[in-house]
């Protein structure tokens, strides 16, 4: 049976699980935007009738976003909300609508929807854990809007509930968020105290990694870049054994941090910290970090470092890593105006 027939059969049977399984291959086979929009419309009509449509709606939403038509995706989530009579299912649908707003960069709409969800949870479901999770989601979106003090107030309420119901994992996550919020306000002492509390407690690897990332933010905020690098190294070392996704987040954070230091001409700081990262790897990533150190020395005026950089650069086979080095080795253009 070819994929077109399988797709049509799954549509006619309203089999969302099968449609999700076929989604990538079938959507990739569509050649025109007009046909793609027509297929998304048909698929949306089926998705809103499924009992658990959210993974499929997520995929549909990404394609609509690619077409610069997020509103069509949001309309599908709204239709699911309207269909749900059961209080628990209604709450779930509201959550996914709010999450979609958040995912597509509409924090004001996310807040409005999370607020509606909070009222439903407080007045109808009366589930303390869900109330606390919604408070935490509200806090994150208020922070996104720059209303960090409001975010702290809401996250403190969430933390108190997690503490009262002995939900230790979510309590620690709320402390991480609070530390980040206080860091954003420049209150590094409070942020550091919160991170120390997280690291004093038994915790899973992902929480520890995130704690180290916030710790690195705090040290960088104080311009203690060596300690920031130490915290990032500890996060990266832990992430290597956790998952590719988390490793990617930590690695990207590290690369952004190094780029920021290049922009500040902090070449000595970069050069002296790269070997501790290089020694974590056996593949060409180690050459990548050693090349960064030589690039920093070259930028600082060591002409011999250029030759060492070129030799290391030639050993880096990973195209993404090479492209980072390509970007950083380009001379920066600057304009000066004499008045």
C-alpha atoms as a PDB file:
ATOM      1  CA  UNK A   1       0.000   0.000   0.000  1.00  0.00           C
ATOM      2  CA  UNK A   2       1.474   3.373  -0.955  1.00  0.00           C
ATOM      3  CA  UNK A   3       1.581   6.305   1.459  1.00  0.00           C
ATOM      4  CA  UNK A   4      -1.223   8.192  -0.305  1.00  0.00           C
ATOM      5  CA  UNK A   5      -3.612   5.258   0.185  1.00  0.00           C
ATOM      6  CA  UNK A   6      -2.518   4.796   3.800  1.00  0.00           C
ATOM      7  CA  UNK A   7      -3.060   8.515   4.424  1.00  0.00           C
ATOM      8  CA  UNK A   8      -6.544   8.513   2.899  1.00  0.00           C
ATOM      9  CA  UNK A   9      -7.486   5.415   4.879  1.00  0.00           C
ATOM     10  CA  UNK A  10      -6.277   6.993   8.157  1.00  0.00           C
ATOM     11  CA  UNK A  11      -8.197  10.195   7.356  1.00  0.00           C
ATOM     12  CA  UNK A  12     -11.411   8.299   6.635  1.00  0.00           C
ATOM     13  CA  UNK A  13     -11.036   6.276   9.848  1.00  0.00           C
ATOM     14  CA  UNK A  14     -10.072   9.380  11.860  1.00  0.00           C
ATOM     15  CA  UNK A  15      -7.003   7.479  13.053  1.00  0.00           C
ATOM     16  CA  UNK A  16      -4.906  10.280  14.569  1.00  0.00           C
ATOM     17  CA  UNK A  17      -2.194   7.904  15.722  1.00  0.00           C
ATOM     18  CA  UNK A  18      -1.674   6.613  12.181  1.00  0.00           C
ATOM     19  CA  UNK A  19      -1.850  10.126  10.724  1.00  0.00           C
ATOM     20  CA  UNK A  20       0.867  11.226  13.146  1.00  0.00           C
ATOM     21  CA  UNK A  21       3.012   8.254  12.120  1.00  0.00           C
ATOM     22  CA  UNK A  22       2.626   9.116   8.413  1.00  0.00           C
ATOM     23  CA  UNK A  23       2.750  12.895   8.855  1.00  0.00           C
ATOM     24  CA  UNK A  24       6.367  13.753   8.006  1.00  0.00           C
ATOM     25  CA  UNK A  25       6.656  11.485   4.975  1.00  0.00           C
ATOM     26  CA  UNK A  26       3.293  12.456   3.542  1.00  0.00           C
ATOM     27  CA  UNK A  27       3.644  16.207   4.101  1.00  0.00           C
ATOM     28  CA  UNK A  28       7.131  16.109   2.554  1.00  0.00           C
ATOM     29  CA  UNK A  29       5.652  14.524  -0.578  1.00  0.00           C
ATOM     30  CA  UNK A  30       3.346  17.512  -1.228  1.00  0.00           C
ATOM     31  CA  UNK A  31       4.774  19.804  -3.894  1.00  0.00           C
ATOM     32  CA  UNK A  32       2.688  22.990  -3.913  1.00  0.00           C
ATOM     33  CA  UNK A  33       1.631  25.393  -1.186  1.00  0.00           C
ATOM     34  CA  UNK A  34      -1.955  25.320  -2.385  1.00  0.00           C
ATOM     35  CA  UNK A  35      -2.098  21.535  -2.067  1.00  0.00           C
ATOM     36  CA  UNK A  36      -0.368  21.709   1.318  1.00  0.00           C
ATOM     37  CA  UNK A  37      -2.914  24.181   2.702  1.00  0.00           C
ATOM     38  CA  UNK A  38      -5.780  22.031   1.403  1.00  0.00           C
ATOM     39  CA  UNK A  39      -4.296  18.948   3.081  1.00  0.00           C
ATOM     40  CA  UNK A  40      -3.758  20.798   6.365  1.00  0.00           C
ATOM     41  CA  UNK A  41      -7.396  21.887   6.258  1.00  0.00           C
ATOM     42  CA  UNK A  42      -8.601  18.294   5.761  1.00  0.00           C
ATOM     43  CA  UNK A  43      -6.257  17.044   8.452  1.00  0.00           C
ATOM     44  CA  UNK A  44      -7.348  19.734  10.899  1.00  0.00           C
ATOM     45  CA  UNK A  45     -11.000  18.725  10.489  1.00  0.00           C
ATOM     46  CA  UNK A  46     -10.094  15.180  11.507  1.00  0.00           C
ATOM     47  CA  UNK A  47      -7.658  16.165  14.272  1.00  0.00           C
ATOM     48  CA  UNK A  48     -10.204  18.209  16.242  1.00  0.00           C
ATOM     49  CA  UNK A  49     -12.449  15.116  16.415  1.00  0.00           C
ATOM     50  CA  UNK A  50      -9.783  12.883  17.982  1.00  0.00           C
ATOM     51  CA  UNK A  51      -9.771  12.155  21.706  1.00  0.00           C
ATOM     52  CA  UNK A  52      -6.086  13.043  22.059  1.00  0.00           C
ATOM     53  CA  UNK A  53      -5.240  15.358  19.146  1.00  0.00           C
ATOM     54  CA  UNK A  54      -2.418  17.343  20.706  1.00  0.00           C
ATOM     55  CA  UNK A  55       0.680  15.699  19.197  1.00  0.00           C
ATOM     56  CA  UNK A  56      -0.915  15.895  15.766  1.00  0.00           C
ATOM     57  CA  UNK A  57      -1.957  19.525  16.311  1.00  0.00           C
ATOM     58  CA  UNK A  58       1.623  20.301  17.297  1.00  0.00           C
ATOM     59  CA  UNK A  59       2.891  18.963  13.953  1.00  0.00           C
ATOM     60  CA  UNK A  60       0.153  20.771  12.011  1.00  0.00           C
ATOM     61  CA  UNK A  61       1.012  23.960  13.886  1.00  0.00           C
ATOM     62  CA  UNK A  62       4.657  23.790  12.842  1.00  0.00           C
ATOM     63  CA  UNK A  63       3.711  23.513   9.184  1.00  0.00           C
ATOM     64  CA  UNK A  64       1.275  26.433   9.476  1.00  0.00           C
ATOM     65  CA  UNK A  65       4.035  28.445  11.160  1.00  0.00           C
ATOM     66  CA  UNK A  66       6.318  27.627   8.234  1.00  0.00           C
ATOM     67  CA  UNK A  67       3.582  29.019   5.984  1.00  0.00           C
ATOM     68  CA  UNK A  68       3.447  32.136   8.182  1.00  0.00           C
ATOM     69  CA  UNK A  69      -0.113  31.275   9.206  1.00  0.00           C
ATOM     70  CA  UNK A  70       0.020  30.586  12.935  1.00  0.00           C
ATOM     71  CA  UNK A  71      -3.558  31.815  13.346  1.00  0.00           C
ATOM     72  CA  UNK A  72      -4.899  28.767  11.464  1.00  0.00           C
ATOM     73  CA  UNK A  73      -3.076  26.509  13.922  1.00  0.00           C
ATOM     74  CA  UNK A  74      -4.418  28.435  16.920  1.00  0.00           C
ATOM     75  CA  UNK A  75      -7.981  28.147  15.572  1.00  0.00           C
ATOM     76  CA  UNK A  76      -7.679  24.344  15.688  1.00  0.00           C
ATOM     77  CA  UNK A  77      -6.612  24.411  19.347  1.00  0.00           C
ATOM     78  CA  UNK A  78      -9.541  26.742  20.115  1.00  0.00           C
ATOM     79  CA  UNK A  79     -11.983  24.360  18.422  1.00  0.00           C
ATOM     80  CA  UNK A  80     -10.733  21.515  20.617  1.00  0.00           C
ATOM     81  CA  UNK A  81     -11.298  23.663  23.731  1.00  0.00           C
ATOM     82  CA  UNK A  82     -14.852  24.413  22.603  1.00  0.00           C
ATOM     83  CA  UNK A  83     -15.619  20.704  22.139  1.00  0.00           C
ATOM     84  CA  UNK A  84     -14.545  19.579  25.610  1.00  0.00           C
ATOM     85  CA  UNK A  85     -17.359  19.235  28.193  1.00  0.00           C
ATOM     86  CA  UNK A  86     -15.555  17.063  30.731  1.00  0.00           C
ATOM     87  CA  UNK A  87     -13.794  19.358  33.297  1.00  0.00           C
ATOM     88  CA  UNK A  88     -10.504  17.430  33.145  1.00  0.00           C
ATOM     89  CA  UNK A  89     -10.473  17.295  29.335  1.00  0.00           C
ATOM     90  CA  UNK A  90     -11.396  20.992  29.173  1.00  0.00           C
ATOM     91  CA  UNK A  91      -8.431  21.825  31.412  1.00  0.00           C
ATOM     92  CA  UNK A  92      -6.102  19.747  29.227  1.00  0.00           C
ATOM     93  CA  UNK A  93      -7.342  21.494  26.075  1.00  0.00           C
ATOM     94  CA  UNK A  94      -6.885  24.931  27.677  1.00  0.00           C
ATOM     95  CA  UNK A  95      -3.350  23.986  28.697  1.00  0.00           C
ATOM     96  CA  UNK A  96      -2.413  22.994  25.137  1.00  0.00           C
ATOM     97  CA  UNK A  97      -3.944  26.199  23.752  1.00  0.00           C
ATOM     98  CA  UNK A  98      -1.903  28.262  26.219  1.00  0.00           C
ATOM     99  CA  UNK A  99       1.206  26.214  25.416  1.00  0.00           C
ATOM    100  CA  UNK A 100       0.660  26.832  21.688  1.00  0.00           C
ATOM    101  CA  UNK A 101       0.422  30.588  22.263  1.00  0.00           C
ATOM    102  CA  UNK A 102       3.640  30.383  24.279  1.00  0.00           C
ATOM    103  CA  UNK A 103       5.384  28.221  21.673  1.00  0.00           C
ATOM    104  CA  UNK A 104       4.463  30.591  18.842  1.00  0.00           C
ATOM    105  CA  UNK A 105       5.702  33.675  20.709  1.00  0.00           C
ATOM    106  CA  UNK A 106       2.427  35.181  21.959  1.00  0.00           C
ATOM    107  CA  UNK A 107       2.981  35.524  25.721  1.00  0.00           C
ATOM    108  CA  UNK A 108       0.070  37.939  26.241  1.00  0.00           C
ATOM    109  CA  UNK A 109      -2.384  35.400  24.792  1.00  0.00           C
ATOM    110  CA  UNK A 110      -0.674  32.610  26.732  1.00  0.00           C
ATOM    111  CA  UNK A 111      -1.165  34.554  29.973  1.00  0.00           C
ATOM    112  CA  UNK A 112      -4.824  35.178  29.181  1.00  0.00           C
ATOM    113  CA  UNK A 113      -5.382  31.455  28.587  1.00  0.00           C
ATOM    114  CA  UNK A 114      -3.332  30.261  31.562  1.00  0.00           C
ATOM    115  CA  UNK A 115      -5.352  32.682  33.726  1.00  0.00           C
ATOM    116  CA  UNK A 116      -8.583  31.075  32.514  1.00  0.00           C
ATOM    117  CA  UNK A 117      -7.079  27.654  33.238  1.00  0.00           C
ATOM    118  CA  UNK A 118      -6.026  28.763  36.730  1.00  0.00           C
ATOM    119  CA  UNK A 119      -9.557  29.897  37.553  1.00  0.00           C
ATOM    120  CA  UNK A 120     -10.930  26.559  36.335  1.00  0.00           C
ATOM    121  CA  UNK A 121      -8.405  24.640  38.437  1.00  0.00           C
ATOM    122  CA  UNK A 122      -9.037  26.709  41.565  1.00  0.00           C
ATOM    123  CA  UNK A 123     -12.843  26.710  41.307  1.00  0.00           C
ATOM    124  CA  UNK A 124     -13.634  23.353  39.696  1.00  0.00           C
ATOM    125  CA  UNK A 125     -10.781  20.828  39.783  1.00  0.00           C
ATOM    126  CA  UNK A 126      -9.138  22.003  43.035  1.00  0.00           C
ATOM    127  CA  UNK A 127      -5.926  20.107  42.238  1.00  0.00           C
ATOM    128  CA  UNK A 128      -3.034  21.763  44.083  1.00  0.00           C
ATOM    129  CA  UNK A 129      -0.290  20.398  41.828  1.00  0.00           C
ATOM    130  CA  UNK A 130      -2.029  21.593  38.649  1.00  0.00           C
ATOM    131  CA  UNK A 131      -2.666  24.995  40.226  1.00  0.00           C
ATOM    132  CA  UNK A 132       1.027  25.311  41.060  1.00  0.00           C
ATOM    133  CA  UNK A 133       2.119  24.225  37.566  1.00  0.00           C
ATOM    134  CA  UNK A 134      -0.173  26.822  36.001  1.00  0.00           C
ATOM    135  CA  UNK A 135       1.161  29.524  38.328  1.00  0.00           C
ATOM    136  CA  UNK A 136       4.668  28.565  37.200  1.00  0.00           C
ATOM    137  CA  UNK A 137       3.660  28.782  33.530  1.00  0.00           C
ATOM    138  CA  UNK A 138       2.109  32.193  34.143  1.00  0.00           C
ATOM    139  CA  UNK A 139       5.330  33.317  35.814  1.00  0.00           C
ATOM    140  CA  UNK A 140       7.476  32.278  32.845  1.00  0.00           C
ATOM    141  CA  UNK A 141       5.258  34.212  30.432  1.00  0.00           C
ATOM    142  CA  UNK A 142       5.206  37.342  32.583  1.00  0.00           C
ATOM    143  CA  UNK A 143       9.002  37.173  32.632  1.00  0.00           C
ATOM    144  CA  UNK A 144       8.936  36.887  28.836  1.00  0.00           C
ATOM    145  CA  UNK A 145       7.060  40.207  28.784  1.00  0.00           C
ATOM    146  CA  UNK A 146       9.675  41.788  31.041  1.00  0.00           C
ATOM    147  CA  UNK A 147       7.380  41.783  34.101  1.00  0.00           C
ATOM    148  CA  UNK A 148       9.938  39.911  36.184  1.00  0.00           C
ATOM    149  CA  UNK A 149       8.715  41.093  39.597  1.00  0.00           C
ATOM    150  CA  UNK A 150       5.248  39.744  38.786  1.00  0.00           C
ATOM    151  CA  UNK A 151       6.917  36.526  37.631  1.00  0.00           C
ATOM    152  CA  UNK A 152       8.708  36.189  40.982  1.00  0.00           C
ATOM    153  CA  UNK A 153       5.458  36.735  42.894  1.00  0.00           C
ATOM    154  CA  UNK A 154       3.676  33.984  40.925  1.00  0.00           C
ATOM    155  CA  UNK A 155       6.607  31.555  41.073  1.00  0.00           C
ATOM    156  CA  UNK A 156       6.845  32.038  44.853  1.00  0.00           C
ATOM    157  CA  UNK A 157       3.186  31.007  45.118  1.00  0.00           C
ATOM    158  CA  UNK A 158       3.936  27.942  43.009  1.00  0.00           C
ATOM    159  CA  UNK A 159       6.978  27.080  45.124  1.00  0.00           C
ATOM    160  CA  UNK A 160       4.954  27.286  48.354  1.00  0.00           C
ATOM    161  CA  UNK A 161       2.396  24.845  46.974  1.00  0.00           C
ATOM    162  CA  UNK A 162       5.041  22.401  45.713  1.00  0.00           C
ATOM    163  CA  UNK A 163       6.640  22.533  49.157  1.00  0.00           C
ATOM    164  CA  UNK A 164       3.323  21.954  50.939  1.00  0.00           C
ATOM    165  CA  UNK A 165       2.411  18.920  48.799  1.00  0.00           C
ATOM    166  CA  UNK A 166       5.966  17.504  48.972  1.00  0.00           C
ATOM    167  CA  UNK A 167       6.550  17.692  45.205  1.00  0.00           C
ATOM    168  CA  UNK A 168      10.314  17.968  45.501  1.00  0.00           C
ATOM    169  CA  UNK A 169      11.186  17.865  41.805  1.00  0.00           C
ATOM    170  CA  UNK A 170       8.878  20.739  40.886  1.00  0.00           C
ATOM    171  CA  UNK A 171       9.944  22.669  44.001  1.00  0.00           C
ATOM    172  CA  UNK A 172      13.545  22.531  42.806  1.00  0.00           C
ATOM    173  CA  UNK A 173      12.522  23.562  39.280  1.00  0.00           C
ATOM    174  CA  UNK A 174      10.637  26.554  40.744  1.00  0.00           C
ATOM    175  CA  UNK A 175      13.794  27.516  42.671  1.00  0.00           C
ATOM    176  CA  UNK A 176      15.760  27.398  39.409  1.00  0.00           C
ATOM    177  CA  UNK A 177      13.261  29.723  37.748  1.00  0.00           C
ATOM    178  CA  UNK A 178      13.324  32.062  40.738  1.00  0.00           C
ATOM    179  CA  UNK A 179      17.132  32.139  40.601  1.00  0.00           C
ATOM    180  CA  UNK A 180      16.996  33.070  36.908  1.00  0.00           C
ATOM    181  CA  UNK A 181      14.411  35.801  37.560  1.00  0.00           C
ATOM    182  CA  UNK A 182      16.505  37.329  40.364  1.00  0.00           C
ATOM    183  CA  UNK A 183      19.574  37.139  38.105  1.00  0.00           C
ATOM    184  CA  UNK A 184      17.647  39.091  35.454  1.00  0.00           C
ATOM    185  CA  UNK A 185      16.906  41.804  38.019  1.00  0.00           C
ATOM    186  CA  UNK A 186      20.613  41.972  38.937  1.00  0.00           C
ATOM    187  CA  UNK A 187      20.073  40.450  42.402  1.00  0.00           C
ATOM    188  CA  UNK A 188      22.953  38.010  42.086  1.00  0.00           C
ATOM    189  CA  UNK A 189      23.203  37.226  45.817  1.00  0.00           C
ATOM    190  CA  UNK A 190      19.599  36.002  46.028  1.00  0.00           C
ATOM    191  CA  UNK A 191      19.996  34.080  42.760  1.00  0.00           C
ATOM    192  CA  UNK A 192      23.173  32.410  44.035  1.00  0.00           C
ATOM    193  CA  UNK A 193      21.550  31.444  47.346  1.00  0.00           C
ATOM    194  CA  UNK A 194      18.685  29.783  45.467  1.00  0.00           C
ATOM    195  CA  UNK A 195      21.078  27.838  43.241  1.00  0.00           C
ATOM    196  CA  UNK A 196      23.023  26.659  46.295  1.00  0.00           C
ATOM    197  CA  UNK A 197      19.779  25.399  47.797  1.00  0.00           C
ATOM    198  CA  UNK A 198      19.020  23.428  44.620  1.00  0.00           C
ATOM    199  CA  UNK A 199      22.514  21.900  44.535  1.00  0.00           C
ATOM    200  CA  UNK A 200      22.336  20.947  48.241  1.00  0.00           C
ATOM    201  CA  UNK A 201      19.336  18.687  47.588  1.00  0.00           C
ATOM    202  CA  UNK A 202      19.104  15.284  45.893  1.00  0.00           C
ATOM    203  CA  UNK A 203      18.083  15.990  42.312  1.00  0.00           C
ATOM    204  CA  UNK A 204      17.999  14.492  38.846  1.00  0.00           C
ATOM    205  CA  UNK A 205      20.652  15.219  36.226  1.00  0.00           C
ATOM    206  CA  UNK A 206      18.504  17.637  34.219  1.00  0.00           C
ATOM    207  CA  UNK A 207      17.841  19.846  37.245  1.00  0.00           C
ATOM    208  CA  UNK A 208      21.540  19.829  38.140  1.00  0.00           C
ATOM    209  CA  UNK A 209      22.486  20.802  34.570  1.00  0.00           C
ATOM    210  CA  UNK A 210      20.021  23.688  34.568  1.00  0.00           C
ATOM    211  CA  UNK A 211      21.271  24.798  37.976  1.00  0.00           C
ATOM    212  CA  UNK A 212      24.801  24.931  36.579  1.00  0.00           C
ATOM    213  CA  UNK A 213      23.602  26.992  33.600  1.00  0.00           C
ATOM    214  CA  UNK A 214      21.970  29.549  35.907  1.00  0.00           C
ATOM    215  CA  UNK A 215      25.084  29.505  38.097  1.00  0.00           C
ATOM    216  CA  UNK A 216      27.135  30.322  34.989  1.00  0.00           C
ATOM    217  CA  UNK A 217      24.770  33.234  34.225  1.00  0.00           C
ATOM    218  CA  UNK A 218      25.309  34.621  37.724  1.00  0.00           C
ATOM    219  CA  UNK A 219      29.116  34.379  37.514  1.00  0.00           C
ATOM    220  CA  UNK A 220      29.031  36.000  34.066  1.00  0.00           C
ATOM    221  CA  UNK A 221      26.823  38.779  35.430  1.00  0.00           C
ATOM    222  CA  UNK A 222      29.536  39.461  38.004  1.00  0.00           C
ATOM    223  CA  UNK A 223      32.145  39.281  35.204  1.00  0.00           C
ATOM    224  CA  UNK A 224      33.757  36.282  36.925  1.00  0.00           C
ATOM    225  CA  UNK A 225      34.197  34.514  33.603  1.00  0.00           C
ATOM    226  CA  UNK A 226      36.546  31.764  34.803  1.00  0.00           C
ATOM    227  CA  UNK A 227      33.926  30.567  37.304  1.00  0.00           C
ATOM    228  CA  UNK A 228      31.256  30.865  34.605  1.00  0.00           C
ATOM    229  CA  UNK A 229      33.331  28.581  32.375  1.00  0.00           C
ATOM    230  CA  UNK A 230      33.757  26.133  35.287  1.00  0.00           C
ATOM    231  CA  UNK A 231      29.991  25.938  35.801  1.00  0.00           C
ATOM    232  CA  UNK A 232      29.429  25.469  32.050  1.00  0.00           C
ATOM    233  CA  UNK A 233      32.026  22.685  31.959  1.00  0.00           C
ATOM    234  CA  UNK A 234      30.269  20.887  34.822  1.00  0.00           C
ATOM    235  CA  UNK A 235      26.944  21.241  32.980  1.00  0.00           C
ATOM    236  CA  UNK A 236      28.449  19.936  29.720  1.00  0.00           C
ATOM    237  CA  UNK A 237      30.163  16.997  31.417  1.00  0.00           C
ATOM    238  CA  UNK A 238      26.860  15.947  33.007  1.00  0.00           C
ATOM    239  CA  UNK A 239      24.884  16.531  29.790  1.00  0.00           C
ATOM    240  CA  UNK A 240      27.136  14.215  27.743  1.00  0.00           C
ATOM    241  CA  UNK A 241      25.544  11.248  29.522  1.00  0.00           C
ATOM    242  CA  UNK A 242      21.948  12.508  29.691  1.00  0.00           C
ATOM    243  CA  UNK A 243      20.518  13.111  26.203  1.00  0.00           C
ATOM    244  CA  UNK A 244      21.403  14.637  22.856  1.00  0.00           C
ATOM    245  CA  UNK A 245      18.774  17.360  23.297  1.00  0.00           C
ATOM    246  CA  UNK A 246      20.082  18.517  26.664  1.00  0.00           C
ATOM    247  CA  UNK A 247      23.682  18.275  25.475  1.00  0.00           C
ATOM    248  CA  UNK A 248      22.695  20.474  22.528  1.00  0.00           C
ATOM    249  CA  UNK A 249      21.187  23.114  24.791  1.00  0.00           C
ATOM    250  CA  UNK A 250      24.299  23.247  26.990  1.00  0.00           C
ATOM    251  CA  UNK A 251      26.671  23.237  24.022  1.00  0.00           C
ATOM    252  CA  UNK A 252      24.757  26.072  22.328  1.00  0.00           C
ATOM    253  CA  UNK A 253      24.791  28.046  25.597  1.00  0.00           C
ATOM    254  CA  UNK A 254      28.560  27.582  25.838  1.00  0.00           C
ATOM    255  CA  UNK A 255      29.098  28.660  22.211  1.00  0.00           C
ATOM    256  CA  UNK A 256      26.941  31.771  22.746  1.00  0.00           C
ATOM    257  CA  UNK A 257      28.954  32.607  25.871  1.00  0.00           C
ATOM    258  CA  UNK A 258      32.271  32.248  24.030  1.00  0.00           C
ATOM    259  CA  UNK A 259      30.959  34.401  21.174  1.00  0.00           C
ATOM    260  CA  UNK A 260      29.964  37.088  23.664  1.00  0.00           C
ATOM    261  CA  UNK A 261      33.500  37.081  25.093  1.00  0.00           C
ATOM    262  CA  UNK A 262      34.985  37.364  21.602  1.00  0.00           C
ATOM    263  CA  UNK A 263      32.765  40.405  21.069  1.00  0.00           C
ATOM    264  CA  UNK A 264      34.125  41.883  24.297  1.00  0.00           C
ATOM    265  CA  UNK A 265      37.732  41.147  23.212  1.00  0.00           C
ATOM    266  CA  UNK A 266      38.215  38.906  26.282  1.00  0.00           C
ATOM    267  CA  UNK A 267      40.772  36.810  24.401  1.00  0.00           C
ATOM    268  CA  UNK A 268      42.970  35.762  27.329  1.00  0.00           C
ATOM    269  CA  UNK A 269      39.942  34.483  29.250  1.00  0.00           C
ATOM    270  CA  UNK A 270      38.827  32.401  26.278  1.00  0.00           C
ATOM    271  CA  UNK A 271      42.298  31.022  25.557  1.00  0.00           C
ATOM    272  CA  UNK A 272      43.000  29.810  29.093  1.00  0.00           C
ATOM    273  CA  UNK A 273      39.636  28.033  29.484  1.00  0.00           C
ATOM    274  CA  UNK A 274      39.311  26.011  26.273  1.00  0.00           C
ATOM    275  CA  UNK A 275      41.568  23.077  27.173  1.00  0.00           C
ATOM    276  CA  UNK A 276      39.230  22.011  30.000  1.00  0.00           C
ATOM    277  CA  UNK A 277      36.490  21.571  27.381  1.00  0.00           C
ATOM    278  CA  UNK A 278      38.757  19.949  24.778  1.00  0.00           C
ATOM    279  CA  UNK A 279      39.727  17.188  27.200  1.00  0.00           C
ATOM    280  CA  UNK A 280      36.077  16.106  27.550  1.00  0.00           C
ATOM    281  CA  UNK A 281      36.021  14.838  23.950  1.00  0.00           C
ATOM    282  CA  UNK A 282      37.756  12.184  21.866  1.00  0.00           C
ATOM    283  CA  UNK A 283      36.316  13.222  18.481  1.00  0.00           C
ATOM    284  CA  UNK A 284      37.100  16.359  16.470  1.00  0.00           C
ATOM    285  CA  UNK A 285      35.216  18.470  19.041  1.00  0.00           C
ATOM    286  CA  UNK A 286      38.480  18.566  21.007  1.00  0.00           C
ATOM    287  CA  UNK A 287      40.198  20.153  17.999  1.00  0.00           C
ATOM    288  CA  UNK A 288      37.315  22.651  17.814  1.00  0.00           C
ATOM    289  CA  UNK A 289      37.933  23.909  21.354  1.00  0.00           C
ATOM    290  CA  UNK A 290      41.711  24.006  20.902  1.00  0.00           C
ATOM    291  CA  UNK A 291      41.186  25.951  17.663  1.00  0.00           C
ATOM    292  CA  UNK A 292      39.060  28.467  19.584  1.00  0.00           C
ATOM    293  CA  UNK A 293      41.932  28.954  22.054  1.00  0.00           C
ATOM    294  CA  UNK A 294      44.396  29.592  19.209  1.00  0.00           C
ATOM    295  CA  UNK A 295      41.949  31.942  17.486  1.00  0.00           C
ATOM    296  CA  UNK A 296      41.721  33.940  20.723  1.00  0.00           C
ATOM    297  CA  UNK A 297      45.542  34.077  21.015  1.00  0.00           C
ATOM    298  CA  UNK A 298      45.754  35.150  17.363  1.00  0.00           C
ATOM    299  CA  UNK A 299      43.198  37.894  17.959  1.00  0.00           C
ATOM    300  CA  UNK A 300      45.213  38.972  21.010  1.00  0.00           C
ATOM    301  CA  UNK A 301      48.247  39.570  18.771  1.00  0.00           C
ATOM    302  CA  UNK A 302      50.113  36.237  18.776  1.00  0.00           C
ATOM    303  CA  UNK A 303      50.916  35.769  15.068  1.00  0.00           C
ATOM    304  CA  UNK A 304      52.261  32.247  15.671  1.00  0.00           C
ATOM    305  CA  UNK A 305      48.786  31.245  16.860  1.00  0.00           C
ATOM    306  CA  UNK A 306      47.407  31.667  13.317  1.00  0.00           C
ATOM    307  CA  UNK A 307      49.435  28.691  12.090  1.00  0.00           C
ATOM    308  CA  UNK A 308      48.326  26.575  15.055  1.00  0.00           C
ATOM    309  CA  UNK A 309      44.715  27.619  14.434  1.00  0.00           C
ATOM    310  CA  UNK A 310      44.909  26.612  10.755  1.00  0.00           C
ATOM    311  CA  UNK A 311      46.319  23.185  11.659  1.00  0.00           C
ATOM    312  CA  UNK A 312      43.573  22.535  14.197  1.00  0.00           C
ATOM    313  CA  UNK A 313      40.870  23.922  11.906  1.00  0.00           C
ATOM    314  CA  UNK A 314      41.889  21.386   9.245  1.00  0.00           C
ATOM    315  CA  UNK A 315      41.233  18.566  11.736  1.00  0.00           C
ATOM    316  CA  UNK A 316      37.653  19.682  12.447  1.00  0.00           C
ATOM    317  CA  UNK A 317      35.460  17.571  10.171  1.00  0.00           C
ATOM    318  CA  UNK A 318      32.079  18.489  11.650  1.00  0.00           C
ATOM    319  CA  UNK A 319      30.541  21.073   9.297  1.00  0.00           C
ATOM    320  CA  UNK A 320      28.557  22.859  12.030  1.00  0.00           C
ATOM    321  CA  UNK A 321      31.672  23.300  14.156  1.00  0.00           C
ATOM    322  CA  UNK A 322      33.677  24.495  11.152  1.00  0.00           C
ATOM    323  CA  UNK A 323      30.971  27.058  10.332  1.00  0.00           C
ATOM    324  CA  UNK A 324      31.225  28.482  13.869  1.00  0.00           C
ATOM    325  CA  UNK A 325      34.986  28.871  13.462  1.00  0.00           C
ATOM    326  CA  UNK A 326      34.462  30.384   9.991  1.00  0.00           C
ATOM    327  CA  UNK A 327      32.160  33.000  11.480  1.00  0.00           C
ATOM    328  CA  UNK A 328      34.511  33.875  14.335  1.00  0.00           C
ATOM    329  CA  UNK A 329      37.709  34.072  12.283  1.00  0.00           C
ATOM    330  CA  UNK A 330      36.245  36.717   9.953  1.00  0.00           C
ATOM    331  CA  UNK A 331      37.578  40.195  10.718  1.00  0.00           C
ATOM    332  CA  UNK A 332      35.025  42.427  12.393  1.00  0.00           C
ATOM    333  CA  UNK A 333      34.107  45.589  10.525  1.00  0.00           C
ATOM    334  CA  UNK A 334      33.807  48.738  12.574  1.00  0.00           C
ATOM    335  CA  UNK A 335      32.946  52.319  11.647  1.00  0.00           C
ATOM    336  CA  UNK A 336      34.305  55.310  13.482  1.00  0.00           C
ATOM    337  CA  UNK A 337      32.948  58.790  12.926  1.00  0.00           C
ATOM    338  CA  UNK A 338      35.252  61.743  13.410  1.00  0.00           C
ATOM    339  CA  UNK A 339      33.269  64.801  14.353  1.00  0.00           C
END
